[in-house]
C-alpha atoms as a PDB file:
ATOM      1  CA  MET A   1     100.008 128.198  58.713  1.00  0.00           C
ATOM      2  CA  SER A   2     101.968 126.493  55.993  1.00  0.00           C
ATOM      3  CA  GLN A   3     102.189 122.767  56.352  1.00  0.00           C
ATOM      4  CA  GLU A   4     103.428 122.079  52.837  1.00  0.00           C
ATOM      5  CA  ASN A   5     106.871 120.623  53.150  1.00  0.00           C
ATOM      6  CA  ASN A   6     107.406 118.763  49.903  1.00  0.00           C
ATOM      7  CA  THR A   7     110.740 117.889  51.507  1.00  0.00           C
ATOM      8  CA  GLN A   8     112.447 118.775  48.212  1.00  0.00           C
ATOM      9  CA  ASP A   9     111.374 122.431  48.620  1.00  0.00           C
ATOM     10  CA  ASN A  10     112.205 122.652  52.295  1.00  0.00           C
ATOM     11  CA  ASN A  11     115.644 124.194  51.871  1.00  0.00           C
ATOM     12  CA  VAL A  12     117.088 120.804  50.925  1.00  0.00           C
ATOM     13  CA  ASP A  13     119.707 120.634  48.179  1.00  0.00           C
ATOM     14  CA  ALA A  14     118.174 118.883  45.168  1.00  0.00           C
ATOM     15  CA  ASN A  15     121.252 116.620  44.992  1.00  0.00           C
ATOM     16  CA  ILE A  16     120.612 115.167  48.456  1.00  0.00           C
ATOM     17  CA  GLU A  17     118.690 111.911  48.519  1.00  0.00           C
ATOM     18  CA  ILE A  18     115.666 112.016  50.809  1.00  0.00           C
ATOM     19  CA  THR A  19     116.078 108.953  52.992  1.00  0.00           C
ATOM     20  CA  PRO A  20     113.158 107.127  54.590  1.00  0.00           C
ATOM     21  CA  GLU A  21     114.311 108.549  57.951  1.00  0.00           C
ATOM     22  CA  MET A  22     114.225 112.105  56.579  1.00  0.00           C
ATOM     23  CA  GLN A  23     110.804 111.485  55.034  1.00  0.00           C
ATOM     24  CA  ALA A  24     109.517 110.186  58.383  1.00  0.00           C
ATOM     25  CA  PHE A  25     110.983 113.258  60.129  1.00  0.00           C
ATOM     26  CA  TYR A  26     109.107 115.632  57.809  1.00  0.00           C
ATOM     27  CA  GLN A  27     105.902 113.586  58.043  1.00  0.00           C
ATOM     28  CA  ARG A  28     105.980 113.813  61.853  1.00  0.00           C
ATOM     29  CA  ALA A  29     106.596 117.559  61.654  1.00  0.00           C
ATOM     30  CA  ASP A  30     103.735 117.982  59.174  1.00  0.00           C
ATOM     31  CA  ALA A  31     101.418 116.010  61.461  1.00  0.00           C
ATOM     32  CA  ILE A  32     102.283 118.290  64.392  1.00  0.00           C
ATOM     33  CA  ILE A  33     101.737 121.362  62.197  1.00  0.00           C
ATOM     34  CA  GLY A  34      98.372 119.871  61.237  1.00  0.00           C
ATOM     35  CA  VAL A  35      97.393 119.622  64.904  1.00  0.00           C
ATOM     36  CA  ALA A  36      98.491 123.233  65.447  1.00  0.00           C
ATOM     37  CA  ASN A  37      96.489 124.376  62.409  1.00  0.00           C
ATOM     38  CA  SER A  38      93.425 122.574  63.749  1.00  0.00           C
ATOM     39  CA  GLN A  39      93.596 124.815  66.834  1.00  0.00           C
ATOM     40  CA  LEU A  40      93.190 128.013  64.794  1.00  0.00           C
ATOM     41  CA  GLY A  41      89.822 129.703  64.968  1.00  0.00           C
ATOM     42  CA  PRO A  42      87.774 132.336  66.748  1.00  0.00           C
ATOM     43  CA  GLU A  43      89.160 131.235  70.121  1.00  0.00           C
ATOM     44  CA  ALA A  44      92.845 131.217  69.126  1.00  0.00           C
ATOM     45  CA  HIS A  45      94.848 133.122  66.514  1.00  0.00           C
ATOM     46  CA  SER A  46      98.181 132.007  65.050  1.00  0.00           C
ATOM     47  CA  GLY A  47     100.230 133.854  67.691  1.00  0.00           C
ATOM     48  CA  GLN A  48      98.413 132.076  70.507  1.00  0.00           C
ATOM     49  CA  VAL A  49      98.668 128.693  68.820  1.00  0.00           C
ATOM     50  CA  GLY A  50     102.350 129.348  68.089  1.00  0.00           C
ATOM     51  CA  ALA A  51     103.000 130.161  71.742  1.00  0.00           C
ATOM     52  CA  SER A  52     101.301 126.927  72.790  1.00  0.00           C
ATOM     53  CA  LEU A  53     103.336 125.003  70.227  1.00  0.00           C
ATOM     54  CA  LEU A  54     106.580 126.524  71.533  1.00  0.00           C
ATOM     55  CA  TYR A  55     105.580 125.632  75.083  1.00  0.00           C
ATOM     56  CA  ALA A  56     104.741 122.074  74.011  1.00  0.00           C
ATOM     57  CA  ALA A  57     108.102 121.757  72.229  1.00  0.00           C
ATOM     58  CA  ALA A  58     109.925 123.008  75.329  1.00  0.00           C
ATOM     59  CA  ARG A  59     107.953 120.694  77.612  1.00  0.00           C
ATOM     60  CA  TYR A  60     108.523 117.681  75.359  1.00  0.00           C
ATOM     61  CA  SER A  61     112.226 118.527  74.948  1.00  0.00           C
ATOM     62  CA  ALA A  62     112.675 118.706  78.714  1.00  0.00           C
ATOM     63  CA  SER A  63     111.136 115.263  79.006  1.00  0.00           C
ATOM     64  CA  VAL A  64     113.330 113.839  76.234  1.00  0.00           C
ATOM     65  CA  ALA A  65     116.448 115.442  77.746  1.00  0.00           C
ATOM     66  CA  SER A  66     115.723 113.811  81.107  1.00  0.00           C
ATOM     67  CA  ILE A  67     115.945 110.299  79.658  1.00  0.00           C
ATOM     68  CA  GLY A  68     118.922 108.442  81.047  1.00  0.00           C
ATOM     69  CA  PHE A  69     119.313 110.490  84.204  1.00  0.00           C
ATOM     70  CA  ILE A  70     118.818 108.753  87.541  1.00  0.00           C
ATOM     71  CA  LYS A  71     118.729 111.797  89.821  1.00  0.00           C
ATOM     72  CA  GLY A  72     117.196 115.219  89.370  1.00  0.00           C
ATOM     73  CA  ASP A  73     120.346 116.828  90.759  1.00  0.00           C
ATOM     74  CA  ASP A  74     122.449 115.281  87.985  1.00  0.00           C
ATOM     75  CA  PHE A  75     119.901 116.418  85.411  1.00  0.00           C
ATOM     76  CA  ALA A  76     119.910 119.945  86.851  1.00  0.00           C
ATOM     77  CA  LYS A  77     123.718 120.116  86.550  1.00  0.00           C
ATOM     78  CA  GLU A  78     123.371 119.616  82.776  1.00  0.00           C
ATOM     79  CA  LYS A  79     120.668 122.270  82.331  1.00  0.00           C
ATOM     80  CA  ASP A  80     122.892 124.884  80.664  1.00  0.00           C
ATOM     81  CA  ASP A  81     124.306 122.365  78.170  1.00  0.00           C
ATOM     82  CA  ILE A  82     120.836 121.045  77.399  1.00  0.00           C
ATOM     83  CA  VAL A  83     119.475 124.558  76.841  1.00  0.00           C
ATOM     84  CA  GLU A  84     122.450 125.412  74.632  1.00  0.00           C
ATOM     85  CA  PHE A  85     121.889 122.262  72.533  1.00  0.00           C
ATOM     86  CA  TYR A  86     118.171 122.890  71.995  1.00  0.00           C
ATOM     87  CA  VAL A  87     118.592 126.630  71.352  1.00  0.00           C
ATOM     88  CA  LYS A  88     121.279 125.909  68.743  1.00  0.00           C
ATOM     89  CA  GLN A  89     119.036 123.341  67.041  1.00  0.00           C
ATOM     90  CA  TYR A  90     116.015 125.662  67.101  1.00  0.00           C
ATOM     91  CA  ARG A  91     118.013 128.647  65.840  1.00  0.00           C
ATOM     92  CA  GLN A  92     119.267 126.648  62.852  1.00  0.00           C
ATOM     93  CA  MET A  93     115.841 125.200  62.037  1.00  0.00           C
ATOM     94  CA  LEU A  94     114.175 128.603  62.387  1.00  0.00           C
ATOM     95  CA  SER A  95     116.807 130.259  60.192  1.00  0.00           C
ATOM     96  CA  ASP A  96     116.466 127.557  57.520  1.00  0.00           C
ATOM     97  CA  ASN A  97     112.677 127.826  57.543  1.00  0.00           C
ATOM     98  CA  LEU A  98     112.698 131.639  57.408  1.00  0.00           C
ATOM     99  CA  THR A  99     115.004 131.449  54.375  1.00  0.00           C
ATOM    100  CA  ASP A 100     112.735 128.847  52.761  1.00  0.00           C
ATOM    101  CA  TYR A 101     109.627 130.902  53.519  1.00  0.00           C
ATOM    102  CA  ALA A 102     111.205 134.064  52.061  1.00  0.00           C
ATOM    103  CA  GLN A 103     112.272 132.205  48.916  1.00  0.00           C
ATOM    104  CA  ASN A 104     108.805 130.658  48.470  1.00  0.00           C
ATOM    105  CA  PHE A 105     106.798 133.513  49.957  1.00  0.00           C
ATOM    106  CA  ASP A 106     104.209 133.877  47.189  1.00  0.00           C
ATOM    107  CA  LYS A 107     103.526 130.132  47.161  1.00  0.00           C
ATOM    108  CA  TYR A 108     103.263 129.863  50.961  1.00  0.00           C
ATOM    109  CA  VAL A 109     101.109 132.984  51.276  1.00  0.00           C
ATOM    110  CA  GLN A 110      98.718 131.474  48.724  1.00  0.00           C
ATOM    111  CA  ILE A 111      98.667 128.194  50.676  1.00  0.00           C
ATOM    112  CA  ASN A 112      97.785 130.103  53.852  1.00  0.00           C
ATOM    113  CA  LYS A 113      94.969 131.939  52.063  1.00  0.00           C
ATOM    114  CA  ASP A 114      93.655 128.622  50.766  1.00  0.00           C
ATOM    115  CA  ASP A 115      93.708 127.168  54.308  1.00  0.00           C
ATOM    116  CA  LYS A 116      91.466 129.888  55.782  1.00  0.00           C
ATOM    117  CA  PRO A 117      87.826 128.881  56.253  1.00  0.00           C
ATOM    118  CA  ALA A 118      85.269 130.727  54.159  1.00  0.00           C
ATOM    119  CA  GLU A 119      83.516 133.467  56.084  1.00  0.00           C
END
């Protein structure tokens, strides 16, 4: 799957300065995508790896969301707000990336073909 971010191409306005924090954000994302890509093969196709990645993101997000809570009951009371926050963030990121992928489809499809191992 496409790992090429080139932060400038990733649906970012060319007039926006890419800060070191933004660069680090994209580098972390690319590293995680690299791990996901390394899982592709005869034992796991992209749908299976994607499902595992979604599960990992949900599991990690639950852990991050729990930081600062003392009691599980208090954490549980915030569940709906936490879910709403993460779903909103994911929806926006997914929408932005689908737009980017559609706009750069030929380039990304070629990247994906180049990533496939020779048979």
